[in-house]
């Protein structure tokens, strides 16, 4: 696939990397001007992505060949590797016989990707990125491991399990399950604080957000919400927990899709801020490096909502490719 032309000045600014599931594409956007810098087709039905900012590489999970979670005929088993310098497809990593990759995090040394997969009853796999091969795997004991988070030191991974009432704890060095943290319902979004002191977990089928102590491996607080929560992210300064509410009934056939909501939790006081309307099916959320701005991908509206966190207001709605799913903020590189 041909490389996109990205001006040198644009490579030095903060950008957004957007993964469009329905369009089977990835895009780069300027985080300041909200101008699209480049678009690139990838394998069908891409979902989540992790980024190595040092090497300017993105690893994109290709989950299915059609459909979506629990509604597909054939799962996929690939990670697409994309250059962020010029938005160019580089290679593919085949993780078979494992399949249905979704959540992904990179190890602190950036040499290994930890990926949740639907194969083998639900598992976590470790991929050597230089070799392009799976080097270890472990069943997580849950049918639907989906999103996941890795502690900053790389020692533990916690997987959110869509259909089972616990979060799985995996010791990365030994690739063994060491614990289950009970939750009343299946979980969706999950994100760790920058200092590793807390993990925040969205309840998929109940109006709750769980605050988990990853050292004690227990739920330390359960917060009551207006409705079930979806995606979760923590700002880089650790002061705010950002999350979305999809605002539809899970597993309803078909669900009635209404505009969703964005909300902030104060990490120090555990007080909830106001709900901010965004687009339909706000499937992912991330924050700027200065923790001043949030970005929400609205899957069913093919758009991004840009939110000023001081004002708690949407300042822009940006049209992107069909079905925006994965969303990563890329900090501007340091000046030479």
C-alpha atoms as a PDB file:
ATOM      1  CA  UNK A   1       0.000   0.000   0.000  1.00  0.00           C
ATOM      2  CA  UNK A   2       1.342   3.426  -0.915  1.00  0.00           C
ATOM      3  CA  UNK A   3       2.559   5.744   1.792  1.00  0.00           C
ATOM      4  CA  UNK A   4       0.605   8.902   2.476  1.00  0.00           C
ATOM      5  CA  UNK A   5       2.291  12.286   2.060  1.00  0.00           C
ATOM      6  CA  UNK A   6       2.549  13.891   5.503  1.00  0.00           C
ATOM      7  CA  UNK A   7       4.429  17.179   5.719  1.00  0.00           C
ATOM      8  CA  UNK A   8       7.398  17.277   8.091  1.00  0.00           C
ATOM      9  CA  UNK A   9       5.742  19.970  10.220  1.00  0.00           C
ATOM     10  CA  UNK A  10       2.678  17.756  10.633  1.00  0.00           C
ATOM     11  CA  UNK A  11       4.841  14.910  11.889  1.00  0.00           C
ATOM     12  CA  UNK A  12       6.053  17.170  14.717  1.00  0.00           C
ATOM     13  CA  UNK A  13       2.592  17.955  16.076  1.00  0.00           C
ATOM     14  CA  UNK A  14       0.269  15.955  18.324  1.00  0.00           C
ATOM     15  CA  UNK A  15      -1.951  13.627  16.362  1.00  0.00           C
ATOM     16  CA  UNK A  16      -4.866  11.237  16.739  1.00  0.00           C
ATOM     17  CA  UNK A  17      -4.676   7.711  15.371  1.00  0.00           C
ATOM     18  CA  UNK A  18      -8.183   6.491  14.523  1.00  0.00           C
ATOM     19  CA  UNK A  19      -9.146   2.900  13.646  1.00  0.00           C
ATOM     20  CA  UNK A  20     -12.341   2.682  11.561  1.00  0.00           C
ATOM     21  CA  UNK A  21     -13.930  -0.766  11.779  1.00  0.00           C
ATOM     22  CA  UNK A  22     -16.673  -0.359   9.186  1.00  0.00           C
ATOM     23  CA  UNK A  23     -14.430   1.467   6.713  1.00  0.00           C
ATOM     24  CA  UNK A  24     -11.538  -0.989   7.258  1.00  0.00           C
ATOM     25  CA  UNK A  25      -9.126   1.918   7.490  1.00  0.00           C
ATOM     26  CA  UNK A  26      -6.879   3.872   9.823  1.00  0.00           C
ATOM     27  CA  UNK A  27      -6.473   7.633   9.864  1.00  0.00           C
ATOM     28  CA  UNK A  28      -4.131  10.269  11.262  1.00  0.00           C
ATOM     29  CA  UNK A  29      -5.603  13.596  12.382  1.00  0.00           C
ATOM     30  CA  UNK A  30      -3.997  16.719  13.728  1.00  0.00           C
ATOM     31  CA  UNK A  31      -5.069  16.993  17.360  1.00  0.00           C
ATOM     32  CA  UNK A  32      -4.881  20.793  17.248  1.00  0.00           C
ATOM     33  CA  UNK A  33      -6.282  21.792  13.855  1.00  0.00           C
ATOM     34  CA  UNK A  34      -8.515  18.680  13.594  1.00  0.00           C
ATOM     35  CA  UNK A  35      -7.382  18.307  10.003  1.00  0.00           C
ATOM     36  CA  UNK A  36      -7.101  14.841   8.497  1.00  0.00           C
ATOM     37  CA  UNK A  37      -3.459  14.193   7.655  1.00  0.00           C
ATOM     38  CA  UNK A  38      -3.763  10.777   6.010  1.00  0.00           C
ATOM     39  CA  UNK A  39      -5.960   7.705   5.577  1.00  0.00           C
ATOM     40  CA  UNK A  40      -4.905   4.122   4.830  1.00  0.00           C
ATOM     41  CA  UNK A  41      -6.905   0.954   4.066  1.00  0.00           C
ATOM     42  CA  UNK A  42      -6.091  -2.062   6.242  1.00  0.00           C
ATOM     43  CA  UNK A  43      -7.486  -5.571   6.585  1.00  0.00           C
ATOM     44  CA  UNK A  44     -11.240  -5.818   7.093  1.00  0.00           C
ATOM     45  CA  UNK A  45     -12.812  -5.126  10.493  1.00  0.00           C
ATOM     46  CA  UNK A  46      -9.916  -3.582  12.461  1.00  0.00           C
ATOM     47  CA  UNK A  47     -10.676  -2.898  16.113  1.00  0.00           C
ATOM     48  CA  UNK A  48      -8.194  -1.758  18.769  1.00  0.00           C
ATOM     49  CA  UNK A  49      -4.609  -0.554  18.398  1.00  0.00           C
ATOM     50  CA  UNK A  50      -1.474   0.000  20.454  1.00  0.00           C
ATOM     51  CA  UNK A  51       1.273   2.426  19.493  1.00  0.00           C
ATOM     52  CA  UNK A  52       5.045   2.421  19.893  1.00  0.00           C
ATOM     53  CA  UNK A  53       5.737   6.161  19.769  1.00  0.00           C
ATOM     54  CA  UNK A  54       9.521   5.673  19.903  1.00  0.00           C
ATOM     55  CA  UNK A  55       9.536   3.688  16.658  1.00  0.00           C
ATOM     56  CA  UNK A  56       6.395   5.355  15.278  1.00  0.00           C
ATOM     57  CA  UNK A  57       4.647   2.027  14.767  1.00  0.00           C
ATOM     58  CA  UNK A  58       1.005   1.077  15.310  1.00  0.00           C
ATOM     59  CA  UNK A  59      -0.198  -2.486  15.886  1.00  0.00           C
ATOM     60  CA  UNK A  60      -3.831  -2.919  14.835  1.00  0.00           C
ATOM     61  CA  UNK A  61      -5.989  -5.871  15.907  1.00  0.00           C
ATOM     62  CA  UNK A  62      -7.980  -7.436  13.063  1.00  0.00           C
ATOM     63  CA  UNK A  63     -10.740  -9.170  14.989  1.00  0.00           C
ATOM     64  CA  UNK A  64     -13.251 -10.572  12.478  1.00  0.00           C
ATOM     65  CA  UNK A  65     -13.745 -10.985   8.763  1.00  0.00           C
ATOM     66  CA  UNK A  66     -17.374  -9.903   9.082  1.00  0.00           C
ATOM     67  CA  UNK A  67     -19.836  -8.787  11.731  1.00  0.00           C
ATOM     68  CA  UNK A  68     -19.009  -7.910  15.315  1.00  0.00           C
ATOM     69  CA  UNK A  69     -18.713  -9.498  18.758  1.00  0.00           C
ATOM     70  CA  UNK A  70     -20.985 -12.564  19.044  1.00  0.00           C
ATOM     71  CA  UNK A  71     -22.404 -11.757  15.594  1.00  0.00           C
ATOM     72  CA  UNK A  72     -19.886 -12.930  13.026  1.00  0.00           C
ATOM     73  CA  UNK A  73     -19.365 -15.888  10.710  1.00  0.00           C
ATOM     74  CA  UNK A  74     -15.583 -15.960  10.699  1.00  0.00           C
ATOM     75  CA  UNK A  75     -13.013 -14.551  13.094  1.00  0.00           C
ATOM     76  CA  UNK A  76      -9.653 -13.179  12.011  1.00  0.00           C
ATOM     77  CA  UNK A  77      -6.149 -13.787  13.390  1.00  0.00           C
ATOM     78  CA  UNK A  78      -3.951 -10.882  12.353  1.00  0.00           C
ATOM     79  CA  UNK A  79      -2.198  -7.786  13.644  1.00  0.00           C
ATOM     80  CA  UNK A  80      -1.503  -5.168  10.985  1.00  0.00           C
ATOM     81  CA  UNK A  81       1.700  -3.164  11.504  1.00  0.00           C
ATOM     82  CA  UNK A  82       1.554   0.438  10.265  1.00  0.00           C
ATOM     83  CA  UNK A  83       4.189   3.169  10.089  1.00  0.00           C
ATOM     84  CA  UNK A  84       2.977   6.388  11.694  1.00  0.00           C
ATOM     85  CA  UNK A  85       5.628   8.531  10.011  1.00  0.00           C
ATOM     86  CA  UNK A  86       3.937   8.244   6.642  1.00  0.00           C
ATOM     87  CA  UNK A  87       0.896   6.077   7.438  1.00  0.00           C
ATOM     88  CA  UNK A  88       2.195   3.134   5.449  1.00  0.00           C
ATOM     89  CA  UNK A  89       1.296  -0.543   5.836  1.00  0.00           C
ATOM     90  CA  UNK A  90       4.464  -2.463   6.709  1.00  0.00           C
ATOM     91  CA  UNK A  91       3.614  -6.087   7.437  1.00  0.00           C
ATOM     92  CA  UNK A  92       1.148  -8.448   9.039  1.00  0.00           C
ATOM     93  CA  UNK A  93       1.636 -10.649  12.092  1.00  0.00           C
ATOM     94  CA  UNK A  94      -0.316 -13.898  11.932  1.00  0.00           C
ATOM     95  CA  UNK A  95      -1.226 -15.049  15.455  1.00  0.00           C
ATOM     96  CA  UNK A  96      -3.008 -18.262  14.396  1.00  0.00           C
ATOM     97  CA  UNK A  97      -4.086 -20.698  15.737  1.00  0.00           C
ATOM     98  CA  UNK A  98      -5.250 -17.930  18.094  1.00  0.00           C
ATOM     99  CA  UNK A  99      -8.070 -15.730  16.791  1.00  0.00           C
ATOM    100  CA  UNK A 100     -10.405 -12.860  17.555  1.00  0.00           C
ATOM    101  CA  UNK A 101      -7.782 -10.392  18.868  1.00  0.00           C
ATOM    102  CA  UNK A 102      -9.211  -7.285  20.490  1.00  0.00           C
ATOM    103  CA  UNK A 103      -7.528  -5.580  23.444  1.00  0.00           C
ATOM    104  CA  UNK A 104      -3.809  -4.868  23.104  1.00  0.00           C
ATOM    105  CA  UNK A 105      -1.033  -3.339  25.226  1.00  0.00           C
ATOM    106  CA  UNK A 106       2.716  -3.110  24.682  1.00  0.00           C
ATOM    107  CA  UNK A 107       5.275  -4.148  27.281  1.00  0.00           C
ATOM    108  CA  UNK A 108       7.398  -1.376  28.839  1.00  0.00           C
ATOM    109  CA  UNK A 109      10.359  -2.373  26.641  1.00  0.00           C
ATOM    110  CA  UNK A 110       8.042  -2.248  23.589  1.00  0.00           C
ATOM    111  CA  UNK A 111       9.175  -5.696  22.500  1.00  0.00           C
ATOM    112  CA  UNK A 112       6.025  -7.662  23.284  1.00  0.00           C
ATOM    113  CA  UNK A 113       2.320  -7.145  22.617  1.00  0.00           C
ATOM    114  CA  UNK A 114      -0.171  -8.639  25.068  1.00  0.00           C
ATOM    115  CA  UNK A 115      -3.437  -9.330  23.260  1.00  0.00           C
ATOM    116  CA  UNK A 116      -6.816 -10.611  24.419  1.00  0.00           C
ATOM    117  CA  UNK A 117      -8.316 -13.207  22.065  1.00  0.00           C
ATOM    118  CA  UNK A 118     -11.629 -15.046  21.870  1.00  0.00           C
ATOM    119  CA  UNK A 119      -9.916 -18.318  20.892  1.00  0.00           C
ATOM    120  CA  UNK A 120      -9.560 -21.309  23.227  1.00  0.00           C
ATOM    121  CA  UNK A 121     -12.471 -20.186  25.350  1.00  0.00           C
ATOM    122  CA  UNK A 122     -10.931 -16.754  25.895  1.00  0.00           C
ATOM    123  CA  UNK A 123      -7.204 -16.155  26.346  1.00  0.00           C
ATOM    124  CA  UNK A 124      -4.323 -13.712  26.603  1.00  0.00           C
ATOM    125  CA  UNK A 125      -1.465 -14.154  24.138  1.00  0.00           C
ATOM    126  CA  UNK A 126       2.044 -12.684  24.128  1.00  0.00           C
ATOM    127  CA  UNK A 127       3.450 -11.711  20.731  1.00  0.00           C
ATOM    128  CA  UNK A 128       7.166 -11.150  20.114  1.00  0.00           C
ATOM    129  CA  UNK A 129       6.970  -8.121  17.828  1.00  0.00           C
ATOM    130  CA  UNK A 130      10.432  -8.463  16.287  1.00  0.00           C
ATOM    131  CA  UNK A 131       9.892 -12.134  15.476  1.00  0.00           C
ATOM    132  CA  UNK A 132       6.244 -11.593  14.558  1.00  0.00           C
ATOM    133  CA  UNK A 133       5.179 -14.699  16.473  1.00  0.00           C
ATOM    134  CA  UNK A 134       3.147 -15.760  19.494  1.00  0.00           C
ATOM    135  CA  UNK A 135       5.519 -16.861  22.263  1.00  0.00           C
ATOM    136  CA  UNK A 136       3.053 -17.641  25.073  1.00  0.00           C
ATOM    137  CA  UNK A 137      -0.660 -17.836  25.830  1.00  0.00           C
ATOM    138  CA  UNK A 138      -2.897 -18.471  28.815  1.00  0.00           C
ATOM    139  CA  UNK A 139      -6.667 -19.077  29.078  1.00  0.00           C
ATOM    140  CA  UNK A 140      -8.247 -16.349  31.208  1.00  0.00           C
ATOM    141  CA  UNK A 141     -11.224 -18.471  32.250  1.00  0.00           C
ATOM    142  CA  UNK A 142     -13.768 -16.158  30.629  1.00  0.00           C
ATOM    143  CA  UNK A 143     -15.623 -16.447  27.342  1.00  0.00           C
ATOM    144  CA  UNK A 144     -15.379 -12.810  26.350  1.00  0.00           C
ATOM    145  CA  UNK A 145     -12.080 -11.174  27.346  1.00  0.00           C
ATOM    146  CA  UNK A 146     -12.197  -7.903  25.506  1.00  0.00           C
ATOM    147  CA  UNK A 147     -10.412  -4.793  26.690  1.00  0.00           C
ATOM    148  CA  UNK A 148      -7.404  -5.127  28.951  1.00  0.00           C
ATOM    149  CA  UNK A 149      -4.849  -3.004  30.768  1.00  0.00           C
ATOM    150  CA  UNK A 150      -1.235  -3.545  31.792  1.00  0.00           C
ATOM    151  CA  UNK A 151       0.271  -2.076  34.950  1.00  0.00           C
ATOM    152  CA  UNK A 152       2.996   0.495  34.232  1.00  0.00           C
ATOM    153  CA  UNK A 153       5.786  -1.845  35.365  1.00  0.00           C
ATOM    154  CA  UNK A 154       4.530  -4.544  33.003  1.00  0.00           C
ATOM    155  CA  UNK A 155       4.154  -7.119  35.774  1.00  0.00           C
ATOM    156  CA  UNK A 156       0.395  -7.706  35.567  1.00  0.00           C
ATOM    157  CA  UNK A 157      -2.350  -7.624  32.988  1.00  0.00           C
ATOM    158  CA  UNK A 158      -6.005  -7.299  33.994  1.00  0.00           C
ATOM    159  CA  UNK A 159      -8.627  -8.350  31.457  1.00  0.00           C
ATOM    160  CA  UNK A 160     -12.206  -7.098  31.425  1.00  0.00           C
ATOM    161  CA  UNK A 161     -14.532  -9.998  30.637  1.00  0.00           C
ATOM    162  CA  UNK A 162     -17.748  -9.102  28.838  1.00  0.00           C
ATOM    163  CA  UNK A 163     -19.762 -12.144  29.823  1.00  0.00           C
ATOM    164  CA  UNK A 164     -18.312 -13.252  33.160  1.00  0.00           C
ATOM    165  CA  UNK A 165     -18.587 -11.570  36.543  1.00  0.00           C
ATOM    166  CA  UNK A 166     -14.883 -11.173  37.286  1.00  0.00           C
ATOM    167  CA  UNK A 167     -11.751  -9.430  36.083  1.00  0.00           C
ATOM    168  CA  UNK A 168      -8.852 -11.791  35.375  1.00  0.00           C
ATOM    169  CA  UNK A 169      -5.362 -11.069  36.737  1.00  0.00           C
ATOM    170  CA  UNK A 170      -2.418 -12.463  34.751  1.00  0.00           C
ATOM    171  CA  UNK A 171       1.224 -12.531  35.865  1.00  0.00           C
ATOM    172  CA  UNK A 172       3.057 -11.516  32.681  1.00  0.00           C
ATOM    173  CA  UNK A 173       6.454 -13.054  33.452  1.00  0.00           C
ATOM    174  CA  UNK A 174       5.013 -16.548  33.903  1.00  0.00           C
ATOM    175  CA  UNK A 175       1.893 -15.993  31.754  1.00  0.00           C
ATOM    176  CA  UNK A 176      -0.297 -17.570  34.418  1.00  0.00           C
ATOM    177  CA  UNK A 177      -3.641 -16.525  35.878  1.00  0.00           C
ATOM    178  CA  UNK A 178      -3.036 -15.582  39.509  1.00  0.00           C
ATOM    179  CA  UNK A 179      -6.443 -14.281  40.591  1.00  0.00           C
ATOM    180  CA  UNK A 180     -10.004 -13.331  39.736  1.00  0.00           C
ATOM    181  CA  UNK A 181     -11.454 -10.081  41.026  1.00  0.00           C
ATOM    182  CA  UNK A 182     -15.186 -10.549  41.487  1.00  0.00           C
ATOM    183  CA  UNK A 183     -17.577  -8.057  39.909  1.00  0.00           C
ATOM    184  CA  UNK A 184     -21.380  -8.383  39.956  1.00  0.00           C
ATOM    185  CA  UNK A 185     -21.612  -8.314  36.158  1.00  0.00           C
ATOM    186  CA  UNK A 186     -19.504  -8.597  33.031  1.00  0.00           C
ATOM    187  CA  UNK A 187     -17.108  -5.727  32.368  1.00  0.00           C
ATOM    188  CA  UNK A 188     -16.188  -3.626  29.340  1.00  0.00           C
ATOM    189  CA  UNK A 189     -13.691  -0.737  29.458  1.00  0.00           C
ATOM    190  CA  UNK A 190     -10.669  -0.906  31.780  1.00  0.00           C
ATOM    191  CA  UNK A 191      -7.801   1.502  32.401  1.00  0.00           C
ATOM    192  CA  UNK A 192      -4.950   1.874  34.898  1.00  0.00           C
ATOM    193  CA  UNK A 193      -3.816   5.078  36.617  1.00  0.00           C
ATOM    194  CA  UNK A 194      -0.413   6.327  35.421  1.00  0.00           C
ATOM    195  CA  UNK A 195       1.160   5.478  38.798  1.00  0.00           C
ATOM    196  CA  UNK A 196      -0.412   2.002  38.835  1.00  0.00           C
ATOM    197  CA  UNK A 197      -2.256   2.616  42.101  1.00  0.00           C
ATOM    198  CA  UNK A 198      -5.767   2.007  40.782  1.00  0.00           C
ATOM    199  CA  UNK A 199      -7.559   0.328  37.911  1.00  0.00           C
ATOM    200  CA  UNK A 200     -10.961   1.594  36.777  1.00  0.00           C
ATOM    201  CA  UNK A 201     -13.406  -0.893  35.273  1.00  0.00           C
ATOM    202  CA  UNK A 202     -16.705  -0.295  33.479  1.00  0.00           C
ATOM    203  CA  UNK A 203     -19.665  -2.545  34.265  1.00  0.00           C
ATOM    204  CA  UNK A 204     -21.246  -3.649  31.025  1.00  0.00           C
ATOM    205  CA  UNK A 205     -24.762  -4.532  32.182  1.00  0.00           C
ATOM    206  CA  UNK A 206     -25.272  -2.471  35.326  1.00  0.00           C
ATOM    207  CA  UNK A 207     -24.960   1.250  36.110  1.00  0.00           C
ATOM    208  CA  UNK A 208     -21.623   1.020  37.912  1.00  0.00           C
ATOM    209  CA  UNK A 209     -17.943   1.845  37.691  1.00  0.00           C
ATOM    210  CA  UNK A 210     -15.545  -0.256  39.760  1.00  0.00           C
ATOM    211  CA  UNK A 211     -12.415   1.092  41.402  1.00  0.00           C
ATOM    212  CA  UNK A 212      -9.883  -1.727  41.790  1.00  0.00           C
ATOM    213  CA  UNK A 213      -6.775  -1.864  43.976  1.00  0.00           C
ATOM    214  CA  UNK A 214      -4.350  -3.815  41.739  1.00  0.00           C
ATOM    215  CA  UNK A 215      -1.910  -4.509  44.575  1.00  0.00           C
ATOM    216  CA  UNK A 216      -4.566  -6.036  46.829  1.00  0.00           C
ATOM    217  CA  UNK A 217      -6.453  -7.319  43.775  1.00  0.00           C
ATOM    218  CA  UNK A 218      -9.866  -6.319  45.085  1.00  0.00           C
ATOM    219  CA  UNK A 219     -12.664  -3.850  44.338  1.00  0.00           C
ATOM    220  CA  UNK A 220     -12.193  -0.969  46.755  1.00  0.00           C
ATOM    221  CA  UNK A 221     -15.204   1.086  45.610  1.00  0.00           C
ATOM    222  CA  UNK A 222     -18.309   0.684  43.456  1.00  0.00           C
ATOM    223  CA  UNK A 223     -19.719   3.897  42.040  1.00  0.00           C
ATOM    224  CA  UNK A 224     -23.378   4.255  41.128  1.00  0.00           C
ATOM    225  CA  UNK A 225     -24.018   5.738  37.680  1.00  0.00           C
ATOM    226  CA  UNK A 226     -27.057   6.757  35.678  1.00  0.00           C
ATOM    227  CA  UNK A 227     -26.532   3.829  33.289  1.00  0.00           C
ATOM    228  CA  UNK A 228     -24.013   1.175  32.295  1.00  0.00           C
ATOM    229  CA  UNK A 229     -20.543   2.461  31.453  1.00  0.00           C
ATOM    230  CA  UNK A 230     -18.542   1.670  28.322  1.00  0.00           C
ATOM    231  CA  UNK A 231     -15.041   2.888  27.504  1.00  0.00           C
ATOM    232  CA  UNK A 232     -12.634   4.086  30.215  1.00  0.00           C
ATOM    233  CA  UNK A 233      -9.382   6.084  30.174  1.00  0.00           C
ATOM    234  CA  UNK A 234      -7.320   7.940  32.775  1.00  0.00           C
ATOM    235  CA  UNK A 235      -5.793  11.325  31.969  1.00  0.00           C
ATOM    236  CA  UNK A 236      -1.976  11.375  31.865  1.00  0.00           C
ATOM    237  CA  UNK A 237      -1.845  13.513  35.025  1.00  0.00           C
ATOM    238  CA  UNK A 238      -3.903  10.866  36.854  1.00  0.00           C
ATOM    239  CA  UNK A 239      -6.447  13.392  38.131  1.00  0.00           C
ATOM    240  CA  UNK A 240      -9.458  12.391  36.049  1.00  0.00           C
ATOM    241  CA  UNK A 241     -11.070   9.142  34.959  1.00  0.00           C
ATOM    242  CA  UNK A 242     -12.883   9.537  31.651  1.00  0.00           C
ATOM    243  CA  UNK A 243     -15.664   7.182  30.670  1.00  0.00           C
ATOM    244  CA  UNK A 244     -18.572   6.858  28.287  1.00  0.00           C
ATOM    245  CA  UNK A 245     -22.083   5.470  28.524  1.00  0.00           C
ATOM    246  CA  UNK A 246     -23.413   3.786  25.401  1.00  0.00           C
ATOM    247  CA  UNK A 247     -27.028   4.502  26.428  1.00  0.00           C
ATOM    248  CA  UNK A 248     -28.618   1.401  24.938  1.00  0.00           C
ATOM    249  CA  UNK A 249     -29.733  -1.979  26.230  1.00  0.00           C
ATOM    250  CA  UNK A 250     -27.099  -4.647  25.721  1.00  0.00           C
ATOM    251  CA  UNK A 251     -27.985  -7.637  23.579  1.00  0.00           C
ATOM    252  CA  UNK A 252     -31.317  -6.115  22.567  1.00  0.00           C
ATOM    253  CA  UNK A 253     -32.004  -7.254  18.992  1.00  0.00           C
ATOM    254  CA  UNK A 254     -31.414  -4.755  17.498  1.00  0.00           C
ATOM    255  CA  UNK A 255     -30.514  -2.220  20.194  1.00  0.00           C
ATOM    256  CA  UNK A 256     -32.149   1.184  20.026  1.00  0.00           C
ATOM    257  CA  UNK A 257     -29.176   3.467  19.498  1.00  0.00           C
ATOM    258  CA  UNK A 258     -29.505   6.848  21.159  1.00  0.00           C
ATOM    259  CA  UNK A 259     -26.845   9.529  21.715  1.00  0.00           C
ATOM    260  CA  UNK A 260     -24.432   8.431  24.414  1.00  0.00           C
ATOM    261  CA  UNK A 261     -22.751  10.350  27.203  1.00  0.00           C
ATOM    262  CA  UNK A 262     -19.288  11.296  28.393  1.00  0.00           C
ATOM    263  CA  UNK A 263     -18.514  11.738  32.085  1.00  0.00           C
ATOM    264  CA  UNK A 264     -15.547  12.401  34.380  1.00  0.00           C
ATOM    265  CA  UNK A 265     -14.677  10.945  37.770  1.00  0.00           C
ATOM    266  CA  UNK A 266     -12.380  12.904  40.090  1.00  0.00           C
ATOM    267  CA  UNK A 267      -9.699  10.336  40.955  1.00  0.00           C
ATOM    268  CA  UNK A 268      -8.929  11.898  44.353  1.00  0.00           C
ATOM    269  CA  UNK A 269     -12.458  12.382  45.682  1.00  0.00           C
ATOM    270  CA  UNK A 270     -14.319   9.790  43.565  1.00  0.00           C
ATOM    271  CA  UNK A 271     -16.907  12.472  42.823  1.00  0.00           C
ATOM    272  CA  UNK A 272     -18.731  12.327  39.490  1.00  0.00           C
ATOM    273  CA  UNK A 273     -18.949  15.278  37.149  1.00  0.00           C
ATOM    274  CA  UNK A 274     -21.843  16.184  34.839  1.00  0.00           C
ATOM    275  CA  UNK A 275     -22.845  13.988  31.919  1.00  0.00           C
ATOM    276  CA  UNK A 276     -22.043  15.473  28.516  1.00  0.00           C
ATOM    277  CA  UNK A 277     -24.039  14.287  25.471  1.00  0.00           C
ATOM    278  CA  UNK A 278     -21.896  12.935  22.621  1.00  0.00           C
ATOM    279  CA  UNK A 279     -22.676  10.780  19.585  1.00  0.00           C
ATOM    280  CA  UNK A 280     -24.267   7.370  19.232  1.00  0.00           C
ATOM    281  CA  UNK A 281     -22.311   4.388  20.583  1.00  0.00           C
ATOM    282  CA  UNK A 282     -19.308   6.285  22.050  1.00  0.00           C
ATOM    283  CA  UNK A 283     -17.015   3.291  21.820  1.00  0.00           C
ATOM    284  CA  UNK A 284     -13.676   4.717  22.899  1.00  0.00           C
ATOM    285  CA  UNK A 285     -12.127   7.632  24.749  1.00  0.00           C
ATOM    286  CA  UNK A 286      -8.655   9.092  25.162  1.00  0.00           C
ATOM    287  CA  UNK A 287      -7.025  12.275  26.474  1.00  0.00           C
ATOM    288  CA  UNK A 288      -4.442  14.776  25.320  1.00  0.00           C
ATOM    289  CA  UNK A 289      -0.949  14.716  26.800  1.00  0.00           C
ATOM    290  CA  UNK A 290      -1.665  17.857  28.850  1.00  0.00           C
ATOM    291  CA  UNK A 291      -4.861  16.266  30.271  1.00  0.00           C
ATOM    292  CA  UNK A 292      -6.903  19.254  29.069  1.00  0.00           C
ATOM    293  CA  UNK A 293      -8.879  17.660  26.239  1.00  0.00           C
ATOM    294  CA  UNK A 294     -10.778  14.409  25.773  1.00  0.00           C
ATOM    295  CA  UNK A 295     -11.604  12.699  22.489  1.00  0.00           C
ATOM    296  CA  UNK A 296     -14.502  10.270  22.058  1.00  0.00           C
ATOM    297  CA  UNK A 297     -15.074   8.011  19.044  1.00  0.00           C
ATOM    298  CA  UNK A 298     -18.783   7.773  18.147  1.00  0.00           C
ATOM    299  CA  UNK A 299     -19.063   4.470  16.309  1.00  0.00           C
ATOM    300  CA  UNK A 300     -22.565   4.875  14.886  1.00  0.00           C
ATOM    301  CA  UNK A 301     -22.189   8.550  13.971  1.00  0.00           C
ATOM    302  CA  UNK A 302     -18.789   8.156  12.237  1.00  0.00           C
ATOM    303  CA  UNK A 303     -17.406  11.029  14.250  1.00  0.00           C
ATOM    304  CA  UNK A 304     -15.125  12.169  17.062  1.00  0.00           C
ATOM    305  CA  UNK A 305     -16.316  14.431  19.872  1.00  0.00           C
ATOM    306  CA  UNK A 306     -13.684  16.851  21.196  1.00  0.00           C
ATOM    307  CA  UNK A 307     -14.297  17.858  24.819  1.00  0.00           C
ATOM    308  CA  UNK A 308     -12.775  20.683  26.845  1.00  0.00           C
ATOM    309  CA  UNK A 309     -12.280  19.110  30.278  1.00  0.00           C
ATOM    310  CA  UNK A 310     -12.225  22.417  32.146  1.00  0.00           C
ATOM    311  CA  UNK A 311     -15.520  23.558  30.657  1.00  0.00           C
ATOM    312  CA  UNK A 312     -16.926  20.018  30.328  1.00  0.00           C
ATOM    313  CA  UNK A 313     -18.300  20.920  26.929  1.00  0.00           C
ATOM    314  CA  UNK A 314     -18.014  19.535  23.407  1.00  0.00           C
ATOM    315  CA  UNK A 315     -16.003  22.039  21.380  1.00  0.00           C
ATOM    316  CA  UNK A 316     -16.001  20.203  18.043  1.00  0.00           C
ATOM    317  CA  UNK A 317     -17.496  17.189  16.289  1.00  0.00           C
ATOM    318  CA  UNK A 318     -15.218  15.801  13.593  1.00  0.00           C
ATOM    319  CA  UNK A 319     -16.420  13.459  10.802  1.00  0.00           C
ATOM    320  CA  UNK A 320     -14.131  10.438  10.349  1.00  0.00           C
ATOM    321  CA  UNK A 321     -14.344   7.081   8.586  1.00  0.00           C
ATOM    322  CA  UNK A 322     -17.191   4.644   9.145  1.00  0.00           C
ATOM    323  CA  UNK A 323     -17.277   2.956  12.538  1.00  0.00           C
ATOM    324  CA  UNK A 324     -14.449   4.625  14.515  1.00  0.00           C
ATOM    325  CA  UNK A 325     -13.323   2.154  17.173  1.00  0.00           C
ATOM    326  CA  UNK A 326      -9.662   2.307  18.227  1.00  0.00           C
ATOM    327  CA  UNK A 327      -8.440   5.750  19.272  1.00  0.00           C
ATOM    328  CA  UNK A 328      -4.904   6.707  20.365  1.00  0.00           C
ATOM    329  CA  UNK A 329      -3.479  10.146  21.144  1.00  0.00           C
ATOM    330  CA  UNK A 330       0.077  10.600  19.858  1.00  0.00           C
ATOM    331  CA  UNK A 331       2.086  13.185  21.745  1.00  0.00           C
ATOM    332  CA  UNK A 332       4.153  15.669  19.733  1.00  0.00           C
ATOM    333  CA  UNK A 333       7.748  14.419  19.574  1.00  0.00           C
ATOM    334  CA  UNK A 334      10.333  16.278  21.621  1.00  0.00           C
ATOM    335  CA  UNK A 335      12.285  18.929  19.728  1.00  0.00           C
ATOM    336  CA  UNK A 336      15.737  17.859  18.553  1.00  0.00           C
END
